[in-house]
Amino acid sequence: MKVRFINPFLKASYEVLESMAQVKVERGNPHLRSSPYAGYDVTVILGVTGAIEGQVLYGMSLDTAKRLASSIMMGMPVKTFEEMEKSAISELATRITIQASLSLSEEGYQCVITPPTLLIGSGVQVSSGDIQTLLIPLVTPQGEVEINVSLRERSGL
C-alpha cells in the first residue's frame, strides 16, 4: 500500500475529529494487519472506487462511540446508541473519507466513496480480500478510534 494513500486519511481524521467532536487526536503506531480480523463494537465501512479501490473501516468500542456522539452533538448526554448517535458516528466517518478522497483527487487519484454501512456487534469478521490493510490507531479523550485502510491503485486505468 502506498503511503500517499494513508497520509490524506491521517490529515483528514485530525481535522474532522477536531472540528466535529472538538477533540485533540494523537496517533498510535500504525501497522499492517492480517485479514480476516475481528470487527469492533461499532464499525463504519465506506467503499472507495475509481482510480483507487478498496475500503476504509472505522472501528471503536460502544463507549467510545457514545462519548464521540455526545461531543459531536455539543455535549448532549448519550445513554443509549440510537439513530441520532448512529447518524453522528456515520457522518464522522463519511466526512473523514470525503476529505481524504478530495486530497487523493488533488494528487491525481480520482475516486468516489460509497454510502456508509454501520455495523453494531463485535462478532463480525472483516476481510479485505487480497488488499493489504493498514491499521491506524487514533487516541482521543473519548477513547480509541481505529481506522483500517485497505486501498490499492486500480489496475487497467
C-alpha atoms as a PDB file:
ATOM      1  CA  MET A   1       0.000   0.000   0.000  1.00  0.00           C
ATOM      2  CA  LYS A   2       1.273   3.431  -0.912  1.00  0.00           C
ATOM      3  CA  VAL A   3       1.995   5.969   1.825  1.00  0.00           C
ATOM      4  CA  ARG A   4       0.350   8.608  -0.361  1.00  0.00           C
ATOM      5  CA  PHE A   5      -2.953   6.778   0.226  1.00  0.00           C
ATOM      6  CA  ILE A   6      -2.529   6.895   4.029  1.00  0.00           C
ATOM      7  CA  ASN A   7      -1.463  10.475   4.691  1.00  0.00           C
ATOM      8  CA  PRO A   8      -4.743  12.020   3.441  1.00  0.00           C
ATOM      9  CA  PHE A   9      -6.645   9.867   5.959  1.00  0.00           C
ATOM     10  CA  LEU A  10      -4.345  10.890   8.807  1.00  0.00           C
ATOM     11  CA  LYS A  11      -4.682  14.584   7.993  1.00  0.00           C
ATOM     12  CA  ALA A  12      -8.450  14.354   7.468  1.00  0.00           C
ATOM     13  CA  SER A  13      -9.010  12.389  10.680  1.00  0.00           C
ATOM     14  CA  TYR A  14      -7.189  15.014  12.764  1.00  0.00           C
ATOM     15  CA  GLU A  15      -9.060  17.885  11.142  1.00  0.00           C
ATOM     16  CA  VAL A  16     -12.524  16.310  11.159  1.00  0.00           C
ATOM     17  CA  LEU A  17     -12.313  14.932  14.721  1.00  0.00           C
ATOM     18  CA  GLU A  18     -11.081  18.287  15.980  1.00  0.00           C
ATOM     19  CA  SER A  19     -13.802  20.243  14.169  1.00  0.00           C
ATOM     20  CA  MET A  20     -16.774  17.891  14.615  1.00  0.00           C
ATOM     21  CA  ALA A  21     -16.074  16.452  18.074  1.00  0.00           C
ATOM     22  CA  GLN A  22     -13.831  19.215  19.453  1.00  0.00           C
ATOM     23  CA  VAL A  23     -11.142  16.697  20.480  1.00  0.00           C
ATOM     24  CA  LYS A  24      -7.393  16.553  20.133  1.00  0.00           C
ATOM     25  CA  VAL A  25      -6.107  13.454  18.378  1.00  0.00           C
ATOM     26  CA  GLU A  26      -2.900  11.531  18.907  1.00  0.00           C
ATOM     27  CA  ARG A  27      -1.788   8.837  16.514  1.00  0.00           C
ATOM     28  CA  GLY A  28      -0.822   5.426  17.800  1.00  0.00           C
ATOM     29  CA  ASN A  29       1.569   3.129  15.958  1.00  0.00           C
ATOM     30  CA  PRO A  30       0.229   2.213  12.507  1.00  0.00           C
ATOM     31  CA  HIS A  31       0.816  -1.373  11.443  1.00  0.00           C
ATOM     32  CA  LEU A  32      -0.231  -3.856   8.813  1.00  0.00           C
ATOM     33  CA  ARG A  33      -2.994  -6.193   9.846  1.00  0.00           C
ATOM     34  CA  SER A  34      -3.804  -9.620   8.521  1.00  0.00           C
ATOM     35  CA  SER A  35      -7.175 -10.488   7.046  1.00  0.00           C
ATOM     36  CA  PRO A  36      -9.701 -11.509   8.240  1.00  0.00           C
ATOM     37  CA  TYR A  37      -9.819  -9.637  11.528  1.00  0.00           C
ATOM     38  CA  ALA A  38     -12.402  -9.195  14.262  1.00  0.00           C
ATOM     39  CA  GLY A  39     -14.766  -6.265  13.942  1.00  0.00           C
ATOM     40  CA  TYR A  40     -15.499  -3.736  16.653  1.00  0.00           C
ATOM     41  CA  ASP A  41     -18.500  -2.936  18.828  1.00  0.00           C
ATOM     42  CA  VAL A  42     -19.255  -0.136  16.348  1.00  0.00           C
ATOM     43  CA  THR A  43     -17.901  -0.318  12.793  1.00  0.00           C
ATOM     44  CA  VAL A  44     -18.452   2.066   9.884  1.00  0.00           C
ATOM     45  CA  ILE A  45     -17.389   0.843   6.442  1.00  0.00           C
ATOM     46  CA  LEU A  46     -17.041   3.017   3.348  1.00  0.00           C
ATOM     47  CA  GLY A  47     -16.055   1.673  -0.049  1.00  0.00           C
ATOM     48  CA  VAL A  48     -13.748   3.544  -2.402  1.00  0.00           C
ATOM     49  CA  THR A  49     -13.889   3.164  -6.185  1.00  0.00           C
ATOM     50  CA  GLY A  50     -12.253   4.854  -9.162  1.00  0.00           C
ATOM     51  CA  ALA A  51      -8.508   5.199  -9.615  1.00  0.00           C
ATOM     52  CA  ILE A  52      -8.192   3.719  -6.134  1.00  0.00           C
ATOM     53  CA  GLU A  53     -10.253   0.770  -4.929  1.00  0.00           C
ATOM     54  CA  GLY A  54     -10.911  -0.837  -1.595  1.00  0.00           C
ATOM     55  CA  GLN A  55     -12.492   0.082   1.693  1.00  0.00           C
ATOM     56  CA  VAL A  56     -11.943   2.164   4.784  1.00  0.00           C
ATOM     57  CA  LEU A  57     -13.230   0.845   8.069  1.00  0.00           C
ATOM     58  CA  TYR A  58     -13.630   2.901  11.259  1.00  0.00           C
ATOM     59  CA  GLY A  59     -13.907   0.878  14.456  1.00  0.00           C
ATOM     60  CA  MET A  60     -14.421   1.686  18.115  1.00  0.00           C
ATOM     61  CA  SER A  61     -15.941   0.437  21.336  1.00  0.00           C
ATOM     62  CA  LEU A  62     -19.565   1.242  22.082  1.00  0.00           C
ATOM     63  CA  ASP A  63     -18.497   3.524  24.952  1.00  0.00           C
ATOM     64  CA  THR A  64     -16.156   5.460  22.642  1.00  0.00           C
ATOM     65  CA  ALA A  65     -18.942   5.785  20.059  1.00  0.00           C
ATOM     66  CA  LYS A  66     -21.323   7.167  22.707  1.00  0.00           C
ATOM     67  CA  ARG A  67     -18.749   9.663  24.008  1.00  0.00           C
ATOM     68  CA  LEU A  68     -17.843  10.811  20.475  1.00  0.00           C
ATOM     69  CA  ALA A  69     -21.519  11.117  19.526  1.00  0.00           C
ATOM     70  CA  SER A  70     -22.062  13.242  22.639  1.00  0.00           C
ATOM     71  CA  SER A  71     -19.164  15.515  21.667  1.00  0.00           C
ATOM     72  CA  ILE A  72     -20.432  15.803  18.085  1.00  0.00           C
ATOM     73  CA  MET A  73     -23.907  16.698  19.430  1.00  0.00           C
ATOM     74  CA  MET A  74     -22.478  19.551  21.534  1.00  0.00           C
ATOM     75  CA  GLY A  75     -22.317  17.596  24.800  1.00  0.00           C
ATOM     76  CA  MET A  76     -25.830  16.180  24.713  1.00  0.00           C
ATOM     77  CA  PRO A  77     -25.856  13.225  27.146  1.00  0.00           C
ATOM     78  CA  VAL A  78     -25.812   9.860  25.384  1.00  0.00           C
ATOM     79  CA  LYS A  79     -27.027   6.884  27.387  1.00  0.00           C
ATOM     80  CA  THR A  80     -28.051   4.611  24.529  1.00  0.00           C
ATOM     81  CA  PHE A  81     -26.795   4.226  20.970  1.00  0.00           C
ATOM     82  CA  GLU A  82     -29.880   5.027  18.917  1.00  0.00           C
ATOM     83  CA  GLU A  83     -30.492   6.518  15.456  1.00  0.00           C
ATOM     84  CA  MET A  84     -29.193  10.028  16.247  1.00  0.00           C
ATOM     85  CA  GLU A  85     -25.960   8.666  17.697  1.00  0.00           C
ATOM     86  CA  LYS A  86     -25.531   6.181  14.843  1.00  0.00           C
ATOM     87  CA  SER A  87     -26.004   9.020  12.366  1.00  0.00           C
ATOM     88  CA  ALA A  88     -23.383  11.159  14.134  1.00  0.00           C
ATOM     89  CA  ILE A  89     -20.754   8.403  14.009  1.00  0.00           C
ATOM     90  CA  SER A  90     -21.566   7.546  10.385  1.00  0.00           C
ATOM     91  CA  GLU A  91     -21.292  11.227   9.460  1.00  0.00           C
ATOM     92  CA  LEU A  92     -17.918  11.477  11.203  1.00  0.00           C
ATOM     93  CA  ALA A  93     -16.517   8.548   9.190  1.00  0.00           C
ATOM     94  CA  THR A  94     -18.057   9.877   5.980  1.00  0.00           C
ATOM     95  CA  ARG A  95     -16.552  13.339   6.409  1.00  0.00           C
ATOM     96  CA  ILE A  96     -13.089  11.936   7.084  1.00  0.00           C
ATOM     97  CA  THR A  97     -13.333   9.752   3.979  1.00  0.00           C
ATOM     98  CA  ILE A  98     -14.671  12.574   1.797  1.00  0.00           C
ATOM     99  CA  GLN A  99     -11.916  14.930   2.886  1.00  0.00           C
ATOM    100  CA  ALA A 100      -9.258  12.254   2.297  1.00  0.00           C
ATOM    101  CA  SER A 101     -10.709  11.411  -1.130  1.00  0.00           C
ATOM    102  CA  LEU A 102     -10.597  15.095  -2.103  1.00  0.00           C
ATOM    103  CA  SER A 103      -6.903  15.157  -1.181  1.00  0.00           C
ATOM    104  CA  LEU A 104      -6.332  11.996  -3.204  1.00  0.00           C
ATOM    105  CA  SER A 105      -8.133  13.591  -6.164  1.00  0.00           C
ATOM    106  CA  GLU A 106      -5.787  16.582  -5.940  1.00  0.00           C
ATOM    107  CA  GLU A 107      -2.903  14.106  -6.301  1.00  0.00           C
ATOM    108  CA  GLY A 108      -4.457  12.681  -9.461  1.00  0.00           C
ATOM    109  CA  TYR A 109      -6.355   9.755  -7.939  1.00  0.00           C
ATOM    110  CA  GLN A 110      -9.990  10.452  -8.786  1.00  0.00           C
ATOM    111  CA  CYS A 111     -12.207   8.351  -6.540  1.00  0.00           C
ATOM    112  CA  VAL A 112     -15.760   8.051  -5.324  1.00  0.00           C
ATOM    113  CA  ILE A 113     -16.916   6.779  -1.954  1.00  0.00           C
ATOM    114  CA  THR A 114     -19.934   4.626  -1.223  1.00  0.00           C
ATOM    115  CA  PRO A 115     -22.530   5.468   1.424  1.00  0.00           C
ATOM    116  CA  PRO A 116     -21.525   4.281   4.895  1.00  0.00           C
ATOM    117  CA  THR A 117     -22.531   0.922   6.326  1.00  0.00           C
ATOM    118  CA  LEU A 118     -22.764   0.874  10.120  1.00  0.00           C
ATOM    119  CA  LEU A 119     -22.401  -2.443  11.943  1.00  0.00           C
ATOM    120  CA  ILE A 120     -23.009  -2.967  15.646  1.00  0.00           C
ATOM    121  CA  GLY A 121     -21.680  -6.019  17.427  1.00  0.00           C
ATOM    122  CA  SER A 122     -18.185  -7.370  17.924  1.00  0.00           C
ATOM    123  CA  GLY A 123     -18.775 -10.839  16.464  1.00  0.00           C
ATOM    124  CA  VAL A 124     -18.233  -9.678  12.879  1.00  0.00           C
ATOM    125  CA  GLN A 125     -15.225 -10.885  10.862  1.00  0.00           C
ATOM    126  CA  VAL A 126     -13.873  -8.377   8.341  1.00  0.00           C
ATOM    127  CA  SER A 127     -11.891  -9.335   5.265  1.00  0.00           C
ATOM    128  CA  SER A 128     -10.145  -7.021   2.844  1.00  0.00           C
ATOM    129  CA  GLY A 129      -9.513  -9.836   0.384  1.00  0.00           C
ATOM    130  CA  ASP A 130      -6.105  -9.561  -1.224  1.00  0.00           C
ATOM    131  CA  ILE A 131      -5.674  -5.849  -0.401  1.00  0.00           C
ATOM    132  CA  GLN A 132      -3.271  -5.028   2.432  1.00  0.00           C
ATOM    133  CA  THR A 133      -4.835  -3.327   5.443  1.00  0.00           C
ATOM    134  CA  LEU A 134      -3.032  -0.667   7.438  1.00  0.00           C
ATOM    135  CA  LEU A 135      -4.425  -0.085  10.921  1.00  0.00           C
ATOM    136  CA  ILE A 136      -4.096   3.494  12.152  1.00  0.00           C
ATOM    137  CA  PRO A 137      -4.990   3.841  15.854  1.00  0.00           C
ATOM    138  CA  LEU A 138      -6.170   7.295  16.884  1.00  0.00           C
ATOM    139  CA  VAL A 139      -6.307   8.174  20.564  1.00  0.00           C
ATOM    140  CA  THR A 140      -8.816  10.785  21.722  1.00  0.00           C
ATOM    141  CA  PRO A 141     -10.051  11.768  25.193  1.00  0.00           C
ATOM    142  CA  GLN A 142     -13.287   9.907  24.294  1.00  0.00           C
ATOM    143  CA  GLY A 143     -11.435   6.677  23.520  1.00  0.00           C
ATOM    144  CA  GLU A 144      -9.574   4.993  20.693  1.00  0.00           C
ATOM    145  CA  VAL A 145     -10.768   5.004  17.087  1.00  0.00           C
ATOM    146  CA  GLU A 146      -9.081   2.609  14.700  1.00  0.00           C
ATOM    147  CA  ILE A 147      -9.002   3.398  11.001  1.00  0.00           C
ATOM    148  CA  ASN A 148      -8.350   0.393   8.777  1.00  0.00           C
ATOM    149  CA  VAL A 149      -7.295   1.498   5.306  1.00  0.00           C
ATOM    150  CA  SER A 150      -7.418  -1.177   2.588  1.00  0.00           C
ATOM    151  CA  LEU A 151      -6.733   0.632  -0.674  1.00  0.00           C
ATOM    152  CA  ARG A 152      -4.815  -0.040  -3.855  1.00  0.00           C
ATOM    153  CA  GLU A 153      -4.382   1.566  -7.221  1.00  0.00           C
ATOM    154  CA  ARG A 154      -6.914   0.157  -9.628  1.00  0.00           C
ATOM    155  CA  SER A 155      -5.308  -1.815 -12.405  1.00  0.00           C
ATOM    156  CA  GLY A 156      -6.190  -1.169 -16.026  1.00  0.00           C
ATOM    157  CA  LEU A 157      -6.812   2.569 -15.672  1.00  0.00           C
END
